[in-house]
N, C-alpha and C. Protein backbone atom coordinates (compact mmCIF):
# COMPACT_ATOMS: atom_id res chain seq x y z
N MET A 1 0.72 -1.45 0.13
CA MET A 1 -0.24 -0.39 0.10
C MET A 1 0.78 1.38 -0.06
N ASP A 2 0.65 2.46 -0.70
CA ASP A 2 1.29 3.03 -0.68
C ASP A 2 1.12 4.03 0.09
N SER A 3 1.91 5.37 0.45
CA SER A 3 1.77 6.23 1.46
C SER A 3 0.91 6.84 1.67
N SER A 4 0.05 7.48 0.49
CA SER A 4 -1.09 8.01 0.42
C SER A 4 -2.40 7.24 1.13
N ALA A 5 -2.14 6.08 0.61
CA ALA A 5 -3.72 5.53 0.67
C ALA A 5 -3.06 5.15 2.44
N LYS A 6 -1.86 4.68 2.69
CA LYS A 6 -1.54 4.73 4.29
C LYS A 6 -2.25 6.16 5.10
N LEU A 7 -1.53 7.00 4.42
CA LEU A 7 -2.45 8.60 5.58
C LEU A 7 -3.76 8.54 5.53
N PHE A 8 -4.59 8.01 4.56
CA PHE A 8 -6.02 8.08 4.23
C PHE A 8 -6.48 7.21 5.14
N GLU A 9 -5.90 5.86 5.17
CA GLU A 9 -6.12 5.03 6.52
C GLU A 9 -6.21 5.71 7.76
N LEU A 10 -4.99 6.23 7.77
CA LEU A 10 -4.99 6.74 9.74
C LEU A 10 -5.84 7.72 9.34
N ILE A 11 -6.18 8.80 8.81
CA ILE A 11 -6.92 9.85 9.18
C ILE A 11 -8.62 9.25 9.01
N LYS A 12 -8.78 8.56 8.62
CA LYS A 12 -10.14 7.73 8.56
C LYS A 12 -10.35 6.97 9.97
N ASP A 13 -9.24 6.19 10.12
CA ASP A 13 -9.18 5.29 11.72
C ASP A 13 -9.29 6.58 12.69
N LEU A 14 -8.50 7.73 13.05
CA LEU A 14 -8.70 8.35 14.04
C LEU A 14 -9.96 9.08 13.91
N LEU A 15 -10.77 9.60 12.48
CA LEU A 15 -11.84 10.27 12.59
C LEU A 15 -13.10 9.12 13.43
N LEU A 16 -12.64 7.79 12.86
CA LEU A 16 -13.86 7.02 13.77
C LEU A 16 -13.26 7.30 15.49
N GLN A 17 -12.60 6.93 15.74
CA GLN A 17 -11.89 7.38 17.13
C GLN A 17 -12.43 8.96 18.09
N LEU A 18 -12.92 9.47 17.04
CA LEU A 18 -13.58 10.86 17.17
C LEU A 18 -13.73 11.63 18.51
N PRO A 19 -15.46 10.31 18.27
CA PRO A 19 -16.27 10.18 19.80
C PRO A 19 -15.82 10.14 20.95
N SER A 20 -15.11 8.51 20.60
CA SER A 20 -14.44 8.42 22.04
C SER A 20 -13.25 9.64 22.49
N MET A 21 -12.57 9.80 21.93
CA MET A 21 -11.57 11.54 22.05
C MET A 21 -12.37 12.43 22.58
N ILE A 22 -13.23 12.62 22.17
CA ILE A 22 -14.13 14.04 22.73
C ILE A 22 -14.27 14.16 24.26
N VAL A 23 -15.24 12.36 24.50
CA VAL A 23 -15.66 12.00 25.47
C VAL A 23 -14.05 12.13 26.33
N LEU A 24 -13.07 11.69 26.08
CA LEU A 24 -12.21 10.90 26.98
C LEU A 24 -11.49 13.01 27.36
N VAL A 25 -11.55 13.67 26.21
CA VAL A 25 -11.01 15.13 26.16
C VAL A 25 -11.92 15.52 27.32
N VAL A 26 -13.57 15.85 27.43
CA VAL A 26 -14.23 15.84 28.43
C VAL A 26 -14.62 15.61 29.84
N CYS A 27 -13.80 14.62 29.90
CA CYS A 27 -13.71 13.98 31.18
C CYS A 27 -12.47 14.57 31.90
N LEU A 28 -11.09 14.84 31.32
CA LEU A 28 -10.20 15.21 31.49
C LEU A 28 -10.66 16.58 32.21
N VAL A 29 -11.54 17.36 31.48
CA VAL A 29 -11.84 19.00 31.73
C VAL A 29 -12.56 18.63 33.60
N VAL A 30 -13.49 17.32 33.45
CA VAL A 30 -14.18 17.09 34.23
C VAL A 30 -13.20 16.94 35.52
N ALA A 31 -12.14 16.05 35.56
CA ALA A 31 -11.16 15.77 36.51
C ALA A 31 -10.36 16.95 36.88
N LEU A 32 -9.92 17.95 35.58
CA LEU A 32 -9.11 18.74 36.15
C LEU A 32 -9.91 20.24 36.99
N VAL A 33 -11.72 19.83 36.57
CA VAL A 33 -12.35 21.10 37.19
C VAL A 33 -12.34 20.53 38.94
N ARG A 34 -12.36 19.08 38.70
CA ARG A 34 -12.86 18.51 40.72
C ARG A 34 -10.91 18.57 41.18
N TRP A 35 -10.20 18.68 40.64
CA TRP A 35 -8.93 18.67 41.36
C TRP A 35 -9.14 19.19 42.80
N ARG A 36 -9.42 20.40 43.12
CA ARG A 36 -9.27 20.64 44.41
C ARG A 36 -9.97 19.93 45.60
N ARG A 37 -11.20 19.55 45.19
CA ARG A 37 -11.90 18.79 45.73
C ARG A 37 -11.41 16.95 46.33
N HIS A 38 -10.69 16.45 45.19
CA HIS A 38 -10.49 15.02 45.18
C HIS A 38 -9.17 15.18 44.13
N PRO A 39 -8.14 15.55 44.83
CA PRO A 39 -6.38 15.51 44.14
C PRO A 39 -6.15 14.13 43.71
N ARG A 40 -5.94 13.22 44.65
CA ARG A 40 -5.66 12.23 44.30
C ARG A 40 -6.47 11.45 43.30
N VAL A 41 -7.70 11.18 43.95
CA VAL A 41 -8.53 10.63 42.30
C VAL A 41 -8.57 11.70 40.90
N SER A 42 -8.39 12.86 41.27
CA SER A 42 -8.43 13.46 40.04
C SER A 42 -6.88 13.31 39.36
N LEU A 43 -5.92 13.02 40.10
CA LEU A 43 -4.62 12.49 39.13
C LEU A 43 -4.30 11.19 38.82
N PHE A 44 -4.85 10.26 39.16
CA PHE A 44 -4.95 9.00 39.00
C PHE A 44 -6.08 8.85 37.51
N VAL A 45 -7.09 9.60 37.82
CA VAL A 45 -8.07 9.80 36.24
C VAL A 45 -7.63 10.33 35.01
N LEU A 46 -7.01 11.43 35.50
CA LEU A 46 -6.00 12.16 34.42
C LEU A 46 -4.89 11.53 33.88
N LEU A 47 -4.19 10.55 34.61
CA LEU A 47 -3.48 9.92 33.90
C LEU A 47 -3.79 8.64 33.27
N SER A 48 -5.17 8.08 33.76
CA SER A 48 -5.51 7.23 32.88
C SER A 48 -5.72 7.60 31.86
N LEU A 49 -6.96 8.46 31.82
CA LEU A 49 -7.33 9.47 30.13
C LEU A 49 -6.26 9.71 29.42
N THR A 50 -5.50 10.30 29.86
CA THR A 50 -4.24 10.55 29.02
C THR A 50 -3.34 9.05 28.25
N TRP A 51 -3.37 8.15 29.13
CA TRP A 51 -3.08 6.97 28.87
C TRP A 51 -3.77 6.60 27.59
N PHE A 52 -5.28 6.67 27.97
CA PHE A 52 -6.24 6.36 27.11
C PHE A 52 -6.01 6.79 25.58
N ILE A 53 -6.09 8.25 25.71
CA ILE A 53 -6.05 8.88 24.43
C ILE A 53 -4.34 8.59 23.52
N LEU A 54 -3.41 8.87 24.53
CA LEU A 54 -2.36 8.28 23.49
C LEU A 54 -2.38 6.89 23.02
N HIS A 55 -2.75 5.58 23.99
CA HIS A 55 -3.26 4.61 23.44
C HIS A 55 -3.82 4.74 22.27
N GLY A 56 -4.77 5.32 21.96
CA GLY A 56 -5.87 5.31 20.92
C GLY A 56 -5.09 6.01 19.71
N PHE A 57 -3.86 6.98 19.63
CA PHE A 57 -3.36 7.61 18.61
C PHE A 57 -2.30 6.96 18.33
N VAL A 58 -1.06 6.36 18.95
CA VAL A 58 -0.76 5.48 19.15
C VAL A 58 -0.71 4.19 18.28
N SER A 59 -1.64 3.11 18.92
CA SER A 59 -1.82 1.86 18.35
C SER A 59 -2.45 2.35 17.25
N THR A 60 -3.21 3.18 16.97
CA THR A 60 -3.67 3.04 15.40
C THR A 60 -2.84 3.51 14.18
N VAL A 61 -1.75 4.75 14.71
CA VAL A 61 -0.52 4.37 13.67
C VAL A 61 0.49 3.32 13.83
N ILE A 62 0.32 2.45 14.63
CA ILE A 62 1.61 1.24 14.64
C ILE A 62 0.34 0.07 13.74
N TYR A 63 -0.45 0.49 13.78
CA TYR A 63 -1.55 -0.62 13.49
C TYR A 63 -1.42 -0.60 11.84
N ILE A 64 -1.37 0.78 11.53
CA ILE A 64 -1.27 1.05 9.97
C ILE A 64 -0.01 0.48 9.09
N TRP A 65 1.28 1.46 9.85
CA TRP A 65 2.29 1.17 9.37
C TRP A 65 3.23 -0.18 9.86
N VAL A 66 3.58 -0.09 10.87
CA VAL A 66 4.32 -1.41 11.36
C VAL A 66 4.19 -2.93 11.10
N PRO A 67 3.25 -3.33 10.84
CA PRO A 67 3.17 -4.53 9.84
C PRO A 67 3.66 -4.84 8.79
N ASP A 68 3.48 -3.46 8.11
CA ASP A 68 3.72 -3.76 6.50
C ASP A 68 5.03 -3.86 6.54
N TRP A 69 5.41 -2.59 7.36
CA TRP A 69 7.28 -2.35 7.33
C TRP A 69 7.91 -3.60 7.92
N ILE A 70 7.66 -4.27 9.11
CA ILE A 70 8.31 -5.82 9.25
C ILE A 70 8.23 -6.46 8.32
N ILE A 71 7.15 -6.97 7.88
CA ILE A 71 6.96 -8.02 6.63
C ILE A 71 7.71 -7.67 5.37
N ARG A 72 7.56 -6.50 4.83
CA ARG A 72 8.32 -5.76 3.81
C ARG A 72 10.04 -6.05 4.36
N THR A 73 10.21 -5.77 5.26
CA THR A 73 11.75 -5.89 5.42
C THR A 73 12.08 -7.05 5.78
N ALA A 74 11.57 -8.22 6.20
CA ALA A 74 11.86 -9.34 6.83
C ALA A 74 12.23 -10.13 5.29
N ALA A 75 13.31 -11.49 5.73
CA ALA A 75 13.71 -12.38 4.32
C ALA A 75 12.53 -12.75 4.32
N SER A 76 12.38 -13.02 2.94
CA SER A 76 11.53 -13.91 1.98
C SER A 76 10.71 -15.48 2.30
N GLY A 77 10.33 -15.24 3.44
CA GLY A 77 10.05 -16.80 4.10
C GLY A 77 8.63 -16.84 4.07
N ASN A 78 8.11 -17.72 5.17
CA ASN A 78 6.74 -17.80 5.34
C ASN A 78 5.88 -16.52 5.73
N VAL A 79 5.56 -15.82 5.08
CA VAL A 79 4.91 -14.62 5.02
C VAL A 79 3.60 -14.61 5.83
N GLU A 80 3.14 -15.48 5.67
CA GLU A 80 1.90 -15.75 6.27
C GLU A 80 1.62 -15.66 7.72
N GLN A 81 2.99 -16.93 8.59
CA GLN A 81 2.59 -16.98 9.48
C GLN A 81 3.53 -15.49 10.27
N LEU A 82 4.58 -15.16 9.87
CA LEU A 82 5.32 -13.56 10.14
C LEU A 82 4.02 -13.12 10.16
N THR A 83 3.19 -12.54 9.14
CA THR A 83 1.84 -11.84 9.65
C THR A 83 1.04 -12.21 10.88
N GLN A 84 0.75 -13.35 11.19
CA GLN A 84 0.00 -13.90 12.13
C GLN A 84 0.77 -13.89 13.76
N ASN A 85 2.34 -13.60 13.39
CA ASN A 85 3.09 -13.29 14.80
C ASN A 85 2.96 -11.59 14.79
N VAL A 86 2.89 -10.98 13.96
CA VAL A 86 3.24 -9.62 14.18
C VAL A 86 1.73 -9.30 14.28
N TYR A 87 1.37 -9.50 14.01
CA TYR A 87 0.04 -9.16 14.81
C TYR A 87 -0.76 -9.78 16.47
N LEU A 88 -0.36 -10.62 16.26
CA LEU A 88 -0.32 -11.59 17.38
C LEU A 88 0.36 -10.41 18.95
N GLY A 89 1.74 -10.28 17.99
CA GLY A 89 2.43 -9.76 19.60
C GLY A 89 2.19 -8.00 19.34
N LEU A 90 1.89 -7.62 18.56
CA LEU A 90 0.74 -6.34 18.62
C LEU A 90 -0.36 -6.12 18.86
N GLY A 91 -1.42 -6.92 19.17
CA GLY A 91 -2.30 -7.24 19.77
C GLY A 91 -2.03 -7.82 21.15
N LEU A 92 -1.18 -8.27 22.01
CA LEU A 92 -0.49 -8.18 23.11
C LEU A 92 -0.13 -7.25 23.75
N VAL A 93 0.65 -6.62 22.81
CA VAL A 93 1.34 -5.40 23.29
C VAL A 93 -0.12 -4.07 23.91
N THR A 94 -0.68 -4.21 22.59
CA THR A 94 -2.22 -2.89 23.04
C THR A 94 -2.76 -3.32 23.94
N ASN A 95 -3.11 -4.39 24.11
CA ASN A 95 -4.45 -4.91 25.04
C ASN A 95 -3.49 -4.97 26.46
N PHE A 96 -2.24 -4.89 26.58
CA PHE A 96 -1.02 -4.58 28.22
C PHE A 96 -1.45 -3.81 27.96
N SER A 97 -0.74 -2.81 26.90
CA SER A 97 -1.14 -0.98 27.17
C SER A 97 -2.45 -0.52 28.03
N LEU A 98 -3.75 -1.39 26.75
CA LEU A 98 -4.89 -0.91 27.56
C LEU A 98 -5.40 -1.81 28.79
N ALA A 99 -4.65 -2.47 29.63
CA ALA A 99 -5.43 -2.79 30.93
C ALA A 99 -4.18 -2.09 31.72
N ILE A 100 -2.99 -1.32 31.39
CA ILE A 100 -2.57 -0.19 32.43
C ILE A 100 -3.56 0.75 32.25
N ALA A 101 -4.18 1.24 31.40
CA ALA A 101 -4.99 2.67 31.65
C ALA A 101 -6.54 2.24 32.25
N LEU A 102 -6.74 0.96 32.11
CA LEU A 102 -7.43 0.51 32.81
C LEU A 102 -7.83 0.29 34.39
N THR A 103 -6.23 -0.33 34.61
CA THR A 103 -5.98 -0.37 36.34
C THR A 103 -6.11 0.95 36.77
N LEU A 104 -5.36 1.99 36.16
CA LEU A 104 -5.32 3.28 36.85
C LEU A 104 -6.69 4.05 36.76
N LEU A 105 -7.39 3.84 36.25
CA LEU A 105 -9.12 4.26 36.16
C LEU A 105 -9.62 3.88 37.61
N LEU A 106 -9.14 2.34 37.77
CA LEU A 106 -10.06 1.26 38.49
C LEU A 106 -9.33 2.05 40.05
N VAL A 107 -7.90 2.11 39.77
CA VAL A 107 -7.19 2.89 41.45
C VAL A 107 -7.57 4.19 41.41
N ALA A 108 -8.27 5.30 40.78
CA ALA A 108 -8.92 6.66 41.19
C ALA A 108 -10.32 5.55 41.60
N VAL A 109 -11.08 4.87 40.99
CA VAL A 109 -12.58 4.46 41.37
C VAL A 109 -12.40 4.28 42.92
N PHE A 110 -11.52 3.63 43.29
CA PHE A 110 -11.27 3.18 45.01
C PHE A 110 -10.44 3.88 45.54
N THR A 111 -9.74 4.77 45.64
CA THR A 111 -9.23 6.14 46.14
C THR A 111 -9.88 6.84 46.58
N GLN A 112 -9.02 7.09 48.11
CA GLN A 112 -9.83 8.21 48.80
C GLN A 112 -11.15 7.67 49.58
N ARG A 113 -11.70 6.43 49.84
CA ARG A 113 -12.83 5.99 50.04
C ARG A 113 -12.84 5.66 51.71
N THR A 114 -14.20 6.50 52.51
CA THR A 114 -14.14 6.27 53.53
C THR A 114 -14.89 4.94 53.93
N VAL A 115 -14.37 4.63 55.53
CA VAL A 115 -15.20 3.15 55.75
C VAL A 115 -16.41 3.65 56.39
N SER A 116 -17.49 3.72 56.64
CA SER A 116 -18.43 3.71 57.17
C SER A 116 -18.67 3.14 58.38
N LEU A 117 -18.51 3.04 59.46
CA LEU A 117 -18.97 2.36 60.63
C LEU A 117 -20.56 2.30 61.32
N LYS A 118 -21.00 3.48 60.62
CA LYS A 118 -22.55 3.36 61.10
C LYS A 118 -22.77 2.02 61.08
N THR A 119 -23.93 1.88 61.53
CA THR A 119 -25.33 0.83 61.45
C THR A 119 -26.45 1.02 61.27
N GLU A 120 -27.63 1.24 60.48
CA GLU A 120 -28.63 1.28 61.07
C GLU A 120 -29.78 0.61 60.90
């Protein structure tokens, strides 16, 4: 695939992510507004949402250019097996990165919780 087709595919994929990115940016603003009230929670939310945004952009770029580059520069062997291995590796790295963002968000959810000992 030529570079103009790759660039068009990148723009298309980023536009498909636009609604999610807008929601993430709005959530970032909300976390910043709530910073004074809950600074530690807001910090974890900001880290998590920033990671989500970076993950979206970086994984899109990587999935568009890296597999073709690796397959093109590899020795001409079993291209089908190499393609499967490249996508398997990218999938593992991408999902691990997503797990980090979700972990940070989960930490934010359970940070600064107070235990109520009242029984009614």
